[in-house]
């Protein structure tokens, strides 16, 4: 149930975000949204890198 609520909240935020971008005449509509989304995603990736474990080491521990 909690995932449903979080998904609904995210949907509402996205909807409001789209509305503000599309209604702001100084922005370029959806192009601005895609540029901003890409920048935010890249910033997030830089702050939260995914650390992939060494598979050889895991296989040795599991005796595979």
N, C-alpha and C. Protein backbone atom coordinates (compact mmCIF):
# COMPACT_ATOMS: atom_id res chain seq x y z
N UNK A 1 0.82 -1.19 0.00
CA UNK A 1 0.00 0.00 0.00
C UNK A 1 0.87 1.25 0.00
N UNK A 2 1.99 1.20 0.74
CA UNK A 2 2.86 2.37 0.83
C UNK A 2 3.45 2.73 -0.54
N UNK A 3 3.81 1.71 -1.34
CA UNK A 3 4.33 1.97 -2.69
C UNK A 3 3.30 2.68 -3.54
N UNK A 4 2.05 2.29 -3.39
CA UNK A 4 0.98 2.92 -4.15
C UNK A 4 0.90 4.40 -3.80
N UNK A 5 0.96 4.71 -2.51
CA UNK A 5 0.88 6.10 -2.05
C UNK A 5 2.07 6.90 -2.56
N UNK A 6 3.26 6.32 -2.48
CA UNK A 6 4.45 7.00 -2.97
C UNK A 6 4.37 7.23 -4.48
N UNK A 7 3.88 6.24 -5.21
CA UNK A 7 3.72 6.39 -6.65
C UNK A 7 2.72 7.48 -6.99
N UNK A 8 1.65 7.55 -6.22
CA UNK A 8 0.64 8.58 -6.44
C UNK A 8 1.22 9.97 -6.15
N UNK A 9 1.98 10.09 -5.07
CA UNK A 9 2.61 11.37 -4.74
C UNK A 9 3.57 11.80 -5.83
N UNK A 10 4.36 10.86 -6.31
CA UNK A 10 5.31 11.16 -7.39
C UNK A 10 4.57 11.62 -8.63
N UNK A 11 3.47 10.97 -8.94
CA UNK A 11 2.67 11.35 -10.10
C UNK A 11 2.13 12.78 -9.95
N UNK A 12 1.66 13.11 -8.76
CA UNK A 12 1.16 14.46 -8.52
C UNK A 12 2.27 15.51 -8.66
N UNK A 13 3.44 15.21 -8.10
CA UNK A 13 4.55 16.15 -8.21
C UNK A 13 4.97 16.33 -9.66
N UNK A 14 5.04 15.24 -10.40
CA UNK A 14 5.40 15.33 -11.82
C UNK A 14 4.39 16.15 -12.59
N UNK A 15 3.13 15.95 -12.30
CA UNK A 15 2.08 16.69 -12.99
C UNK A 15 2.21 18.20 -12.72
N UNK A 16 2.42 18.56 -11.47
CA UNK A 16 2.59 19.97 -11.12
C UNK A 16 3.86 20.54 -11.75
N UNK A 17 4.91 19.73 -11.80
CA UNK A 17 6.16 20.15 -12.41
C UNK A 17 5.96 20.42 -13.90
N UNK A 18 5.27 19.51 -14.60
CA UNK A 18 4.97 19.71 -16.02
C UNK A 18 4.17 20.99 -16.22
N UNK A 19 3.15 21.19 -15.40
CA UNK A 19 2.31 22.38 -15.53
C UNK A 19 3.12 23.66 -15.38
N UNK A 20 4.02 23.69 -14.41
CA UNK A 20 4.81 24.90 -14.18
C UNK A 20 5.77 25.15 -15.34
N UNK A 21 6.33 24.09 -15.91
CA UNK A 21 7.24 24.26 -17.05
C UNK A 21 6.47 24.74 -18.28
N UNK A 22 5.33 24.11 -18.54
CA UNK A 22 4.58 24.47 -19.74
C UNK A 22 3.94 25.85 -19.64
N UNK A 23 3.64 26.30 -18.43
CA UNK A 23 3.00 27.61 -18.28
C UNK A 23 4.01 28.75 -18.21
N UNK A 24 5.27 28.46 -17.97
CA UNK A 24 6.31 29.48 -17.88
C UNK A 24 6.76 29.85 -19.29
N UNK A 25 6.44 31.05 -19.72
CA UNK A 25 6.75 31.45 -21.10
C UNK A 25 8.24 31.63 -21.34
N UNK A 26 9.01 31.82 -20.29
CA UNK A 26 10.45 31.99 -20.46
C UNK A 26 11.16 30.67 -20.72
N UNK A 27 10.45 29.55 -20.47
CA UNK A 27 11.04 28.24 -20.72
C UNK A 27 10.64 27.76 -22.11
N UNK A 28 11.31 26.73 -22.56
CA UNK A 28 11.05 26.20 -23.90
C UNK A 28 10.15 24.98 -23.87
N UNK A 29 9.21 24.93 -22.96
CA UNK A 29 8.28 23.80 -22.90
C UNK A 29 8.96 22.52 -22.50
N UNK A 30 8.61 21.43 -23.16
CA UNK A 30 9.10 20.11 -22.79
C UNK A 30 10.61 19.96 -23.00
N UNK A 31 11.18 20.72 -23.92
CA UNK A 31 12.64 20.65 -24.11
C UNK A 31 13.34 21.03 -22.81
N UNK A 32 12.85 22.05 -22.14
CA UNK A 32 13.43 22.46 -20.86
C UNK A 32 13.27 21.37 -19.82
N UNK A 33 12.13 20.72 -19.82
CA UNK A 33 11.91 19.64 -18.86
C UNK A 33 12.91 18.52 -19.06
N UNK A 34 13.10 18.11 -20.30
CA UNK A 34 14.01 17.01 -20.58
C UNK A 34 15.45 17.39 -20.22
N UNK A 35 15.83 18.64 -20.50
CA UNK A 35 17.17 19.10 -20.14
C UNK A 35 17.35 19.10 -18.62
N UNK A 36 16.36 19.60 -17.90
CA UNK A 36 16.42 19.65 -16.45
C UNK A 36 16.45 18.25 -15.86
N UNK A 37 15.60 17.37 -16.38
CA UNK A 37 15.56 15.99 -15.89
C UNK A 37 16.90 15.31 -16.09
N UNK A 38 17.51 15.51 -17.24
CA UNK A 38 18.81 14.91 -17.52
C UNK A 38 19.87 15.45 -16.55
N UNK A 39 19.86 16.75 -16.32
CA UNK A 39 20.83 17.36 -15.40
C UNK A 39 20.64 16.84 -13.97
N UNK A 40 19.37 16.77 -13.52
CA UNK A 40 19.10 16.26 -12.18
C UNK A 40 19.52 14.80 -12.03
N UNK A 41 19.25 14.01 -13.07
CA UNK A 41 19.63 12.60 -13.04
C UNK A 41 21.15 12.45 -12.97
N UNK A 42 21.86 13.23 -13.78
CA UNK A 42 23.32 13.16 -13.77
C UNK A 42 23.88 13.60 -12.43
N UNK A 43 23.31 14.65 -11.83
CA UNK A 43 23.75 15.08 -10.50
C UNK A 43 23.50 13.98 -9.47
N UNK A 44 22.35 13.33 -9.55
CA UNK A 44 22.04 12.25 -8.63
C UNK A 44 23.03 11.10 -8.78
N UNK A 45 23.35 10.75 -10.03
CA UNK A 45 24.29 9.66 -10.27
C UNK A 45 25.66 9.97 -9.70
N UNK A 46 26.08 11.23 -9.82
CA UNK A 46 27.39 11.61 -9.29
C UNK A 46 27.42 11.50 -7.77
N UNK A 47 26.32 11.85 -7.12
CA UNK A 47 26.25 11.81 -5.66
C UNK A 47 25.99 10.41 -5.12
N UNK A 48 25.40 9.53 -5.94
CA UNK A 48 25.03 8.18 -5.49
C UNK A 48 25.52 7.13 -6.49
N UNK A 49 26.84 6.97 -6.59
CA UNK A 49 27.34 5.99 -7.57
C UNK A 49 26.97 4.57 -7.15
N UNK A 50 26.77 3.75 -8.15
CA UNK A 50 26.46 2.34 -7.91
C UNK A 50 27.78 1.58 -7.82
N UNK A 51 27.95 0.88 -6.73
CA UNK A 51 29.18 0.12 -6.53
C UNK A 51 28.87 -1.35 -6.83
N UNK A 52 29.42 -1.82 -7.93
CA UNK A 52 29.21 -3.20 -8.34
C UNK A 52 30.30 -4.06 -7.71
N UNK A 53 29.93 -5.13 -7.03
CA UNK A 53 30.95 -5.97 -6.41
C UNK A 53 31.75 -6.74 -7.46
N UNK A 54 32.93 -7.15 -7.07
CA UNK A 54 33.77 -7.96 -7.94
C UNK A 54 33.16 -9.36 -8.02
N UNK A 55 32.67 -9.75 -9.19
CA UNK A 55 31.98 -11.02 -9.33
C UNK A 55 32.92 -12.21 -9.12
N UNK A 56 34.18 -12.07 -9.52
CA UNK A 56 35.13 -13.16 -9.29
C UNK A 56 35.27 -13.44 -7.79
N UNK A 57 35.34 -12.38 -7.01
CA UNK A 57 35.46 -12.53 -5.57
C UNK A 57 34.20 -13.20 -4.98
N UNK A 58 33.04 -12.81 -5.46
CA UNK A 58 31.80 -13.41 -4.98
C UNK A 58 31.73 -14.89 -5.35
N UNK A 59 32.15 -15.24 -6.57
CA UNK A 59 32.13 -16.63 -6.98
C UNK A 59 33.09 -17.47 -6.14
N UNK A 60 34.25 -16.89 -5.81
CA UNK A 60 35.22 -17.63 -4.98
C UNK A 60 34.64 -17.87 -3.59
N UNK A 61 33.95 -16.90 -3.05
CA UNK A 61 33.34 -17.06 -1.73
C UNK A 61 32.23 -18.11 -1.76
N UNK A 62 31.54 -18.21 -2.89
CA UNK A 62 30.43 -19.15 -3.01
C UNK A 62 30.91 -20.51 -3.53
N UNK A 63 32.20 -20.62 -3.83
CA UNK A 63 32.77 -21.87 -4.37
C UNK A 63 32.10 -22.28 -5.67
N UNK A 64 31.89 -21.32 -6.56
CA UNK A 64 31.29 -21.63 -7.88
C UNK A 64 32.35 -21.73 -8.96
